[in-house]
């Protein structure tokens, strides 16, 4: 069984006082930290390979750099509910929280069940983890349905009055990322931001203003159009079957279709339409 000594030695070899000084300026906790950069951790993780037992040992060291590396080595399918609770309760810095959510938590279905519970917890970084998870899922889970993220909007609204800096920033991050998924969620996020704007809270007003500034900017519609796959596509399917539905804007191809055709597809949103577009070739 691989000892934690080897990866720890690699981390210690890349320790940097300069990095620690920079981290402190950005509000990262530097106590017991080595100052290893994330690219260096990813290099070590790639060389080491997935190893859940080793990840558990690294996490137990309590060294922030080792905890982040552990999140890169851990196997999501082997993470238990008890593991999730133990890890989230150990967070003492916003970057460790975000890295673990991004590298590990978002890849286990157990974490989705924790979002509501963690959003109601008092500990600053546990609460941040709830909203960081929403932000990560909104950014990375291309298969998730719009309805899942619409369900998170009331959670975000409730969390918007928390005046603690690392919580309010995560709430803001979550709302902005939902609004950047597609046109439908953009409208829903803007509506929620306007509701948050009316709350009697300095944090809420900041969250709303920052969200609206980004989601209502001139760049936002262009970005959403690009993400929605607006353009002409030649769709090539190779499944035995009988027929297609009408190939017009918003049309879906039935599962058994055999076809090669061009369709003008814009703002199909999430779901089957996206699956069809991914099967195709963009031609303009």
Foldseek 3Di string as FASTA:
>chain_A
DDALVVVVVQLLVQFDPVLLVVCVVVQFDCVLERNHDPVSLVVSCVVVAADQVSLVVLVVVLHLSSVLSSLQRHDQVPQDPVNVVVNQVSDDTLVSLLSSLQSHVLPHPVNLVCLLVQCPDDDLSSNLSSLSNLLNCLQPVQQDALVSLLVCLVSLLVQQQPPDPSSLVSSLSNLLSQLQQAPVSVVSSLVSLVVLCPDPHPSSVVSSVVSCCPSVDPVRVVSRFVNQVFAKWWFADDAADDDADDQEELGAGDPRDGDTDIYGYTRNHHDRVVVRRVRIDGDD
